[in-house]
Amino acid sequence: MAKWNVEDHGTQYSIEYKRSLTGGKIIVNGGEQKVKSQNAFLNLIDFPIRLKEKAVNVVVIGNKADLAVDGVYLGSNQPYVPVSKVPGWSWAFVVISLVIGVLFSGIFGVCIGILGSMFYVKSSLSMYQTTNRRVVNCLIVFLIISVIQIVFGIAANSYINTL
């Protein structure tokens, strides 16, 4: 659960995000709104809230939730970038990581692939780095994750064959 307090023209707002399997709930001053993930594999939510004068977005990537107020995330002080702006190359890393995980090491590989997917999406939305730098960072993490998935898969297979 994540909770923030925002003031807008003298009115105090309490904003909460409670996680569930398919998305979660966003609670603004006691009023609940159910939200669903925008992705089947990764918890990905970008929910806009309009206060009196402030534009507020609850953004969830994986298990990390942050609140963007007037274009800036409160938790990281980075500029807000809509989740819908995740580039296609990032989704390619996500899909390939999950496929390698399934093919080589089953559920463990999928879990590792999901962790990598959170990094790919979050990194691709970072505005503090050039696009080339973001791609290189994702490629390095992708290679590390792929090696872990493949080595675990081979080790598990050889162990099972010795039984």
N, C-alpha and C. Protein backbone atom coordinates (compact mmCIF):
# COMPACT_ATOMS: atom_id res chain seq x y z
N MET A 1 0.85 -1.17 0.00
CA MET A 1 0.00 0.00 0.00
C MET A 1 0.89 1.24 0.00
N ALA A 2 0.50 2.20 -0.81
CA ALA A 2 1.21 3.48 -0.87
C ALA A 2 0.22 4.58 -0.52
N LYS A 3 0.71 5.61 0.17
CA LYS A 3 -0.19 6.68 0.61
C LYS A 3 0.53 8.02 0.46
N TRP A 4 -0.22 9.00 -0.03
CA TRP A 4 0.32 10.35 -0.21
C TRP A 4 -0.72 11.36 0.26
N ASN A 5 -0.24 12.52 0.68
CA ASN A 5 -1.10 13.64 1.02
C ASN A 5 -0.73 14.80 0.10
N VAL A 6 -1.74 15.37 -0.53
CA VAL A 6 -1.55 16.46 -1.48
C VAL A 6 -2.48 17.59 -1.10
N GLU A 7 -1.95 18.80 -1.13
CA GLU A 7 -2.78 19.98 -0.85
C GLU A 7 -3.01 20.75 -2.15
N ASP A 8 -4.25 21.14 -2.38
CA ASP A 8 -4.60 21.91 -3.57
C ASP A 8 -5.56 23.03 -3.16
N HIS A 9 -5.08 24.26 -3.21
CA HIS A 9 -5.87 25.44 -2.85
C HIS A 9 -6.52 25.30 -1.48
N GLY A 10 -5.74 24.89 -0.50
CA GLY A 10 -6.22 24.80 0.87
C GLY A 10 -6.97 23.53 1.21
N THR A 11 -7.26 22.69 0.24
CA THR A 11 -7.95 21.43 0.49
C THR A 11 -6.93 20.30 0.54
N GLN A 12 -7.00 19.52 1.61
CA GLN A 12 -6.07 18.40 1.79
C GLN A 12 -6.69 17.14 1.19
N TYR A 13 -5.92 16.42 0.38
CA TYR A 13 -6.37 15.18 -0.23
C TYR A 13 -5.48 14.04 0.24
N SER A 14 -6.11 12.95 0.64
CA SER A 14 -5.39 11.73 1.00
C SER A 14 -5.59 10.74 -0.15
N ILE A 15 -4.48 10.33 -0.76
CA ILE A 15 -4.53 9.42 -1.90
C ILE A 15 -3.79 8.15 -1.53
N GLU A 16 -4.46 7.01 -1.74
CA GLU A 16 -3.87 5.71 -1.40
C GLU A 16 -3.98 4.78 -2.60
N TYR A 17 -3.00 3.89 -2.70
CA TYR A 17 -3.07 2.80 -3.69
C TYR A 17 -2.93 1.49 -2.94
N LYS A 18 -3.92 0.60 -3.10
CA LYS A 18 -3.88 -0.73 -2.51
C LYS A 18 -3.81 -1.75 -3.64
N ARG A 19 -2.82 -2.59 -3.57
CA ARG A 19 -2.55 -3.55 -4.64
C ARG A 19 -3.41 -4.79 -4.53
N SER A 20 -3.75 -5.36 -5.70
CA SER A 20 -4.41 -6.66 -5.77
C SER A 20 -3.82 -7.42 -6.95
N LEU A 21 -4.29 -8.63 -7.20
CA LEU A 21 -3.73 -9.45 -8.28
C LEU A 21 -3.95 -8.85 -9.67
N THR A 22 -5.09 -8.25 -9.89
CA THR A 22 -5.40 -7.74 -11.23
C THR A 22 -5.20 -6.24 -11.37
N GLY A 23 -4.75 -5.57 -10.36
CA GLY A 23 -4.57 -4.12 -10.41
C GLY A 23 -4.57 -3.55 -9.02
N GLY A 24 -5.73 -3.09 -8.59
CA GLY A 24 -5.82 -2.57 -7.24
C GLY A 24 -6.94 -1.57 -7.07
N LYS A 25 -6.84 -0.80 -5.99
CA LYS A 25 -7.80 0.25 -5.69
C LYS A 25 -7.05 1.54 -5.45
N ILE A 26 -7.63 2.62 -5.94
CA ILE A 26 -7.12 3.95 -5.64
C ILE A 26 -8.19 4.63 -4.81
N ILE A 27 -7.78 5.13 -3.65
CA ILE A 27 -8.71 5.73 -2.71
C ILE A 27 -8.33 7.20 -2.55
N VAL A 28 -9.28 8.08 -2.87
CA VAL A 28 -9.08 9.52 -2.72
C VAL A 28 -10.10 10.01 -1.70
N ASN A 29 -9.60 10.44 -0.53
CA ASN A 29 -10.46 10.91 0.56
C ASN A 29 -11.61 9.96 0.86
N GLY A 30 -11.30 8.67 0.88
CA GLY A 30 -12.30 7.66 1.23
C GLY A 30 -13.06 7.08 0.05
N GLY A 31 -13.08 7.75 -1.10
CA GLY A 31 -13.77 7.23 -2.28
C GLY A 31 -12.88 6.26 -3.04
N GLU A 32 -13.39 5.05 -3.28
CA GLU A 32 -12.60 4.00 -3.92
C GLU A 32 -12.88 3.94 -5.42
N GLN A 33 -11.82 3.64 -6.16
CA GLN A 33 -11.92 3.41 -7.60
C GLN A 33 -11.06 2.19 -7.92
N LYS A 34 -11.67 1.13 -8.47
CA LYS A 34 -10.90 -0.04 -8.87
C LYS A 34 -10.16 0.27 -10.16
N VAL A 35 -8.91 -0.20 -10.23
CA VAL A 35 -8.11 -0.01 -11.44
C VAL A 35 -7.53 -1.35 -11.85
N LYS A 36 -7.36 -1.53 -13.16
CA LYS A 36 -6.79 -2.76 -13.70
C LYS A 36 -5.46 -2.45 -14.35
N SER A 37 -4.60 -3.45 -14.34
CA SER A 37 -3.31 -3.31 -14.98
C SER A 37 -3.50 -3.19 -16.50
N GLN A 38 -2.64 -2.41 -17.12
CA GLN A 38 -2.68 -2.23 -18.57
C GLN A 38 -1.90 -3.32 -19.29
N ASN A 39 -1.30 -4.26 -18.53
CA ASN A 39 -0.49 -5.30 -19.11
C ASN A 39 -0.83 -6.62 -18.43
N ALA A 40 -0.83 -7.71 -19.19
CA ALA A 40 -1.19 -9.02 -18.64
C ALA A 40 -0.12 -9.60 -17.73
N PHE A 41 1.15 -9.29 -17.97
CA PHE A 41 2.24 -9.91 -17.23
C PHE A 41 2.80 -9.03 -16.13
N LEU A 42 2.71 -7.74 -16.31
CA LEU A 42 3.35 -6.78 -15.43
C LEU A 42 2.29 -5.82 -14.89
N ASN A 43 2.30 -5.59 -13.59
CA ASN A 43 1.35 -4.63 -13.01
C ASN A 43 1.73 -3.23 -13.50
N LEU A 44 0.92 -2.66 -14.37
CA LEU A 44 1.22 -1.40 -15.02
C LEU A 44 -0.04 -0.53 -15.00
N ILE A 45 -0.01 0.51 -14.17
CA ILE A 45 -1.18 1.37 -13.98
C ILE A 45 -0.75 2.82 -14.10
N ASP A 46 -1.54 3.61 -14.79
CA ASP A 46 -1.36 5.06 -14.87
C ASP A 46 -2.76 5.66 -14.75
N PHE A 47 -3.12 6.05 -13.54
CA PHE A 47 -4.49 6.50 -13.26
C PHE A 47 -4.50 8.00 -12.98
N PRO A 48 -5.16 8.78 -13.84
CA PRO A 48 -5.22 10.24 -13.61
C PRO A 48 -6.30 10.61 -12.59
N ILE A 49 -5.97 11.60 -11.77
CA ILE A 49 -6.91 12.14 -10.80
C ILE A 49 -6.90 13.65 -10.99
N ARG A 50 -8.06 14.23 -11.11
CA ARG A 50 -8.15 15.68 -11.27
C ARG A 50 -8.62 16.29 -9.96
N LEU A 51 -7.77 17.10 -9.36
CA LEU A 51 -8.14 17.84 -8.17
C LEU A 51 -8.63 19.21 -8.63
N LYS A 52 -8.71 20.17 -7.73
CA LYS A 52 -9.20 21.50 -8.13
C LYS A 52 -8.34 22.12 -9.22
N GLU A 53 -7.04 22.21 -8.97
CA GLU A 53 -6.14 22.84 -9.94
C GLU A 53 -4.97 21.94 -10.34
N LYS A 54 -4.71 20.92 -9.57
CA LYS A 54 -3.54 20.08 -9.81
C LYS A 54 -3.90 18.85 -10.63
N ALA A 55 -2.98 18.49 -11.51
CA ALA A 55 -3.09 17.23 -12.26
C ALA A 55 -2.26 16.19 -11.52
N VAL A 56 -2.89 15.09 -11.16
CA VAL A 56 -2.25 14.06 -10.35
C VAL A 56 -2.43 12.72 -11.06
N ASN A 57 -1.34 11.92 -11.08
CA ASN A 57 -1.41 10.58 -11.65
C ASN A 57 -0.79 9.58 -10.67
N VAL A 58 -1.53 8.50 -10.41
CA VAL A 58 -0.98 7.39 -9.66
C VAL A 58 -0.38 6.45 -10.69
N VAL A 59 0.94 6.21 -10.58
CA VAL A 59 1.64 5.37 -11.54
C VAL A 59 2.23 4.18 -10.80
N VAL A 60 1.92 2.98 -11.29
CA VAL A 60 2.41 1.74 -10.69
C VAL A 60 3.11 0.94 -11.77
N ILE A 61 4.36 0.60 -11.51
CA ILE A 61 5.12 -0.28 -12.40
C ILE A 61 5.64 -1.42 -11.53
N GLY A 62 5.10 -2.61 -11.77
CA GLY A 62 5.46 -3.75 -10.93
C GLY A 62 4.91 -3.57 -9.54
N ASN A 63 5.78 -3.55 -8.55
CA ASN A 63 5.34 -3.34 -7.18
C ASN A 63 5.70 -1.95 -6.66
N LYS A 64 6.17 -1.08 -7.54
CA LYS A 64 6.54 0.29 -7.16
C LYS A 64 5.44 1.26 -7.57
N ALA A 65 4.92 1.98 -6.60
CA ALA A 65 3.89 2.98 -6.87
C ALA A 65 4.46 4.37 -6.56
N ASP A 66 4.10 5.33 -7.39
CA ASP A 66 4.54 6.71 -7.17
C ASP A 66 3.41 7.63 -7.61
N LEU A 67 3.43 8.83 -7.10
CA LEU A 67 2.41 9.82 -7.42
C LEU A 67 3.07 10.97 -8.16
N ALA A 68 2.53 11.27 -9.33
CA ALA A 68 3.02 12.41 -10.11
C ALA A 68 2.07 13.58 -9.87
N VAL A 69 2.61 14.70 -9.41
CA VAL A 69 1.82 15.90 -9.16
C VAL A 69 2.38 17.01 -10.04
N ASP A 70 1.53 17.55 -10.89
CA ASP A 70 1.93 18.62 -11.81
C ASP A 70 3.19 18.26 -12.60
N GLY A 71 3.24 17.02 -13.08
CA GLY A 71 4.31 16.61 -13.98
C GLY A 71 5.60 16.15 -13.33
N VAL A 72 5.61 15.96 -12.00
CA VAL A 72 6.82 15.51 -11.31
C VAL A 72 6.43 14.42 -10.31
N TYR A 73 7.21 13.32 -10.31
CA TYR A 73 6.97 12.25 -9.34
C TYR A 73 7.41 12.71 -7.95
N LEU A 74 6.57 12.45 -6.95
CA LEU A 74 6.91 12.84 -5.58
C LEU A 74 8.05 11.99 -5.02
N GLY A 75 8.06 10.69 -5.32
CA GLY A 75 9.06 9.80 -4.76
C GLY A 75 10.45 9.98 -5.33
N SER A 76 10.55 10.22 -6.63
CA SER A 76 11.86 10.26 -7.28
C SER A 76 12.25 11.64 -7.81
N ASN A 77 11.34 12.58 -7.79
CA ASN A 77 11.55 13.92 -8.34
C ASN A 77 11.89 13.91 -9.83
N GLN A 78 11.57 12.83 -10.53
CA GLN A 78 11.77 12.77 -11.97
C GLN A 78 10.53 13.31 -12.67
N PRO A 79 10.68 13.78 -13.90
CA PRO A 79 9.51 14.25 -14.63
C PRO A 79 8.57 13.08 -14.96
N TYR A 80 7.28 13.36 -14.89
CA TYR A 80 6.27 12.36 -15.20
C TYR A 80 6.24 12.08 -16.70
N VAL A 81 6.24 10.80 -17.04
CA VAL A 81 6.08 10.37 -18.43
C VAL A 81 4.93 9.36 -18.42
N PRO A 82 3.91 9.58 -19.25
CA PRO A 82 2.78 8.64 -19.27
C PRO A 82 3.23 7.23 -19.61
N VAL A 83 2.65 6.25 -18.95
CA VAL A 83 2.98 4.85 -19.18
C VAL A 83 2.68 4.46 -20.63
N SER A 84 1.73 5.12 -21.25
CA SER A 84 1.40 4.82 -22.64
C SER A 84 2.55 5.16 -23.59
N LYS A 85 3.54 5.90 -23.11
CA LYS A 85 4.70 6.29 -23.93
C LYS A 85 5.84 5.28 -23.85
N VAL A 86 5.61 4.11 -23.25
CA VAL A 86 6.66 3.08 -23.19
C VAL A 86 6.98 2.67 -24.62
N PRO A 87 8.25 2.78 -25.02
CA PRO A 87 8.60 2.47 -26.41
C PRO A 87 8.53 0.98 -26.74
N GLY A 88 8.38 0.68 -28.00
CA GLY A 88 8.25 -0.70 -28.47
C GLY A 88 9.46 -1.56 -28.15
N TRP A 89 10.67 -0.98 -28.19
CA TRP A 89 11.86 -1.77 -27.90
C TRP A 89 11.83 -2.30 -26.47
N SER A 90 11.22 -1.55 -25.56
CA SER A 90 11.12 -2.02 -24.18
C SER A 90 10.21 -3.24 -24.09
N TRP A 91 9.09 -3.20 -24.83
CA TRP A 91 8.17 -4.34 -24.83
C TRP A 91 8.82 -5.56 -25.48
N ALA A 92 9.71 -5.35 -26.44
CA ALA A 92 10.43 -6.47 -27.04
C ALA A 92 11.30 -7.17 -25.99
N PHE A 93 12.01 -6.38 -25.15
CA PHE A 93 12.80 -6.96 -24.07
C PHE A 93 11.90 -7.74 -23.11
N VAL A 94 10.73 -7.18 -22.79
CA VAL A 94 9.80 -7.85 -21.87
C VAL A 94 9.39 -9.21 -22.42
N VAL A 95 8.94 -9.24 -23.66
CA VAL A 95 8.44 -10.48 -24.26
C VAL A 95 9.56 -11.52 -24.36
N ILE A 96 10.72 -11.11 -24.83
CA ILE A 96 11.83 -12.07 -24.99
C ILE A 96 12.28 -12.61 -23.64
N SER A 97 12.33 -11.76 -22.60
CA SER A 97 12.71 -12.23 -21.27
C SER A 97 11.72 -13.25 -20.73
N LEU A 98 10.45 -13.01 -20.95
CA LEU A 98 9.44 -13.94 -20.47
C LEU A 98 9.47 -15.25 -21.25
N VAL A 99 9.68 -15.18 -22.56
CA VAL A 99 9.74 -16.40 -23.38
C VAL A 99 10.96 -17.24 -22.99
N ILE A 100 12.11 -16.60 -22.84
CA ILE A 100 13.31 -17.34 -22.42
C ILE A 100 13.08 -17.97 -21.06
N GLY A 101 12.44 -17.24 -20.15
CA GLY A 101 12.15 -17.79 -18.83
C GLY A 101 11.28 -19.02 -18.89
N VAL A 102 10.23 -18.97 -19.71
CA VAL A 102 9.32 -20.12 -19.83
C VAL A 102 10.04 -21.30 -20.47
N LEU A 103 10.79 -21.06 -21.53
CA LEU A 103 11.43 -22.14 -22.27
C LEU A 103 12.55 -22.82 -21.49
N PHE A 104 13.32 -22.07 -20.75
CA PHE A 104 14.50 -22.63 -20.11
C PHE A 104 14.33 -23.00 -18.65
N SER A 105 13.56 -22.23 -17.90
CA SER A 105 13.55 -22.51 -16.47
C SER A 105 12.19 -22.37 -15.80
N GLY A 106 11.13 -22.43 -16.55
CA GLY A 106 9.79 -22.48 -15.97
C GLY A 106 9.41 -21.28 -15.13
N ILE A 107 8.75 -21.54 -14.01
CA ILE A 107 8.20 -20.47 -13.18
C ILE A 107 9.29 -19.57 -12.60
N PHE A 108 10.44 -20.15 -12.25
CA PHE A 108 11.55 -19.35 -11.74
C PHE A 108 12.01 -18.37 -12.82
N GLY A 109 12.12 -18.85 -14.03
CA GLY A 109 12.54 -17.98 -15.14
C GLY A 109 11.54 -16.88 -15.43
N VAL A 110 10.26 -17.20 -15.30
CA VAL A 110 9.23 -16.19 -15.51
C VAL A 110 9.32 -15.12 -14.43
N CYS A 111 9.55 -15.53 -13.20
CA CYS A 111 9.69 -14.55 -12.10
C CYS A 111 10.88 -13.63 -12.33
N ILE A 112 12.00 -14.20 -12.75
CA ILE A 112 13.18 -13.39 -13.06
C ILE A 112 12.87 -12.48 -14.25
N GLY A 113 12.15 -13.00 -15.24
CA GLY A 113 11.77 -12.19 -16.40
C GLY A 113 10.86 -11.03 -16.02
N ILE A 114 9.98 -11.24 -15.07
CA ILE A 114 9.09 -10.16 -14.60
C ILE A 114 9.90 -9.09 -13.88
N LEU A 115 10.87 -9.50 -13.08
CA LEU A 115 11.73 -8.50 -12.42
C LEU A 115 12.48 -7.66 -13.46
N GLY A 116 12.99 -8.33 -14.47
CA GLY A 116 13.65 -7.59 -15.54
C GLY A 116 12.69 -6.69 -16.28
N SER A 117 11.47 -7.14 -16.48
CA SER A 117 10.46 -6.35 -17.18
C SER A 117 10.17 -5.05 -16.46
N MET A 118 10.13 -5.11 -15.13
CA MET A 118 9.92 -3.88 -14.37
C MET A 118 11.06 -2.90 -14.64
N PHE A 119 12.29 -3.42 -14.71
CA PHE A 119 13.43 -2.56 -15.00
C PHE A 119 13.33 -1.97 -16.41
N TYR A 120 12.98 -2.80 -17.40
CA TYR A 120 12.90 -2.33 -18.78
C TYR A 120 11.91 -1.18 -18.92
N VAL A 121 10.72 -1.37 -18.35
CA VAL A 121 9.68 -0.34 -18.48
C VAL A 121 10.08 0.93 -17.74
N LYS A 122 10.55 0.77 -16.51
CA LYS A 122 10.93 1.95 -15.72
C LYS A 122 12.11 2.68 -16.37
N SER A 123 13.08 1.95 -16.85
CA SER A 123 14.24 2.56 -17.48
C SER A 123 13.87 3.25 -18.79
N SER A 124 12.97 2.65 -19.55
CA SER A 124 12.60 3.25 -20.84
C SER A 124 11.82 4.56 -20.67
N LEU A 125 11.23 4.76 -19.50
CA LEU A 125 10.49 6.00 -19.24
C LEU A 125 11.35 7.09 -18.61
N SER A 126 12.61 6.77 -18.26
CA SER A 126 13.49 7.74 -17.63
C SER A 126 13.86 8.84 -18.61
N MET A 127 13.67 10.08 -18.20
CA MET A 127 13.99 11.21 -19.07
C MET A 127 15.38 11.78 -18.78
N TYR A 128 16.09 11.21 -17.80
CA TYR A 128 17.41 11.71 -17.45
C TYR A 128 18.52 11.10 -18.30
N GLN A 129 18.18 10.14 -19.15
CA GLN A 129 19.16 9.48 -20.00
C GLN A 129 18.74 9.58 -21.45
N THR A 130 19.73 9.50 -22.33
CA THR A 130 19.41 9.48 -23.76
C THR A 130 18.79 8.14 -24.10
N THR A 131 18.13 8.08 -25.24
CA THR A 131 17.51 6.83 -25.66
C THR A 131 18.56 5.74 -25.83
N ASN A 132 19.69 6.08 -26.41
CA ASN A 132 20.75 5.08 -26.59
C ASN A 132 21.21 4.51 -25.25
N ARG A 133 21.36 5.36 -24.27
CA ARG A 133 21.80 4.92 -22.94
C ARG A 133 20.75 4.01 -22.30
N ARG A 134 19.47 4.35 -22.47
CA ARG A 134 18.40 3.52 -21.92
C ARG A 134 18.39 2.14 -22.57
N VAL A 135 18.59 2.10 -23.90
CA VAL A 135 18.62 0.82 -24.61
C VAL A 135 19.81 -0.02 -24.15
N VAL A 136 20.97 0.60 -24.00
CA VAL A 136 22.16 -0.13 -23.54
C VAL A 136 21.94 -0.67 -22.13
N ASN A 137 21.39 0.13 -21.23
CA ASN A 137 21.10 -0.34 -19.87
C ASN A 137 20.18 -1.54 -19.89
N CYS A 138 19.12 -1.47 -20.69
CA CYS A 138 18.17 -2.58 -20.78
C CYS A 138 18.83 -3.81 -21.40
N LEU A 139 19.68 -3.61 -22.39
CA LEU A 139 20.38 -4.72 -23.02
C LEU A 139 21.31 -5.42 -22.03
N ILE A 140 22.02 -4.67 -21.22
CA ILE A 140 22.90 -5.26 -20.21
C ILE A 140 22.10 -6.08 -19.21
N VAL A 141 21.00 -5.52 -18.70
CA VAL A 141 20.16 -6.25 -17.75
C VAL A 141 19.54 -7.47 -18.42
N PHE A 142 19.13 -7.33 -19.67
CA PHE A 142 18.56 -8.45 -20.43
C PHE A 142 19.57 -9.60 -20.54
N LEU A 143 20.82 -9.28 -20.86
CA LEU A 143 21.84 -10.32 -20.99
C LEU A 143 22.09 -11.02 -19.65
N ILE A 144 22.16 -10.26 -18.58
CA ILE A 144 22.37 -10.84 -17.25
C ILE A 144 21.21 -11.76 -16.89
N ILE A 145 20.00 -11.28 -17.09
CA ILE A 145 18.81 -12.08 -16.76
C ILE A 145 18.73 -13.33 -17.62
N SER A 146 19.04 -13.21 -18.89
CA SER A 146 19.00 -14.36 -19.79
C SER A 146 20.01 -15.42 -19.38
N VAL A 147 21.21 -15.00 -19.01
CA VAL A 147 22.22 -15.96 -18.55
C VAL A 147 21.73 -16.67 -17.30
N ILE A 148 21.17 -15.93 -16.36
CA ILE A 148 20.65 -16.55 -15.13
C ILE A 148 19.56 -17.57 -15.46
N GLN A 149 18.64 -17.18 -16.34
CA GLN A 149 17.54 -18.09 -16.71
C GLN A 149 18.07 -19.35 -17.38
N ILE A 150 19.00 -19.21 -18.31
CA ILE A 150 19.52 -20.36 -19.05
C ILE A 150 20.35 -21.26 -18.14
N VAL A 151 21.23 -20.66 -17.33
CA VAL A 151 22.06 -21.47 -16.42
C VAL A 151 21.18 -22.21 -15.42
N PHE A 152 20.19 -21.54 -14.86
CA PHE A 152 19.29 -22.22 -13.93
C PHE A 152 18.55 -23.35 -14.63
N GLY A 153 18.09 -23.11 -15.84
CA GLY A 153 17.38 -24.15 -16.59
C GLY A 153 18.24 -25.36 -16.87
N ILE A 154 19.48 -25.11 -17.29
CA ILE A 154 20.40 -26.23 -17.56
C ILE A 154 20.71 -26.98 -16.28
N ALA A 155 20.97 -26.27 -15.19
CA ALA A 155 21.28 -26.91 -13.91
C ALA A 155 20.09 -27.74 -13.42
N ALA A 156 18.90 -27.19 -13.52
CA ALA A 156 17.70 -27.92 -13.09
C ALA A 156 17.49 -29.16 -13.94
N ASN A 157 17.71 -29.05 -15.25
CA ASN A 157 17.56 -30.20 -16.15
C ASN A 157 18.56 -31.30 -15.83
N SER A 158 19.82 -30.92 -15.62
CA SER A 158 20.83 -31.93 -15.32
C SER A 158 20.56 -32.59 -13.97
N TYR A 159 20.07 -31.82 -13.00
CA TYR A 159 19.73 -32.39 -11.70
C TYR A 159 18.57 -33.39 -11.84
N ILE A 160 17.56 -33.02 -12.60
CA ILE A 160 16.41 -33.91 -12.79
C ILE A 160 16.82 -35.18 -13.51
N ASN A 161 17.73 -35.07 -14.49
CA ASN A 161 18.20 -36.24 -15.23
C ASN A 161 19.01 -37.20 -14.38
N THR A 162 19.63 -36.71 -13.31
CA THR A 162 20.41 -37.60 -12.44
C THR A 162 19.54 -38.38 -11.47
N LEU A 163 18.29 -37.98 -11.33
CA LEU A 163 17.40 -38.69 -10.39
C LEU A 163 16.99 -40.02 -10.89
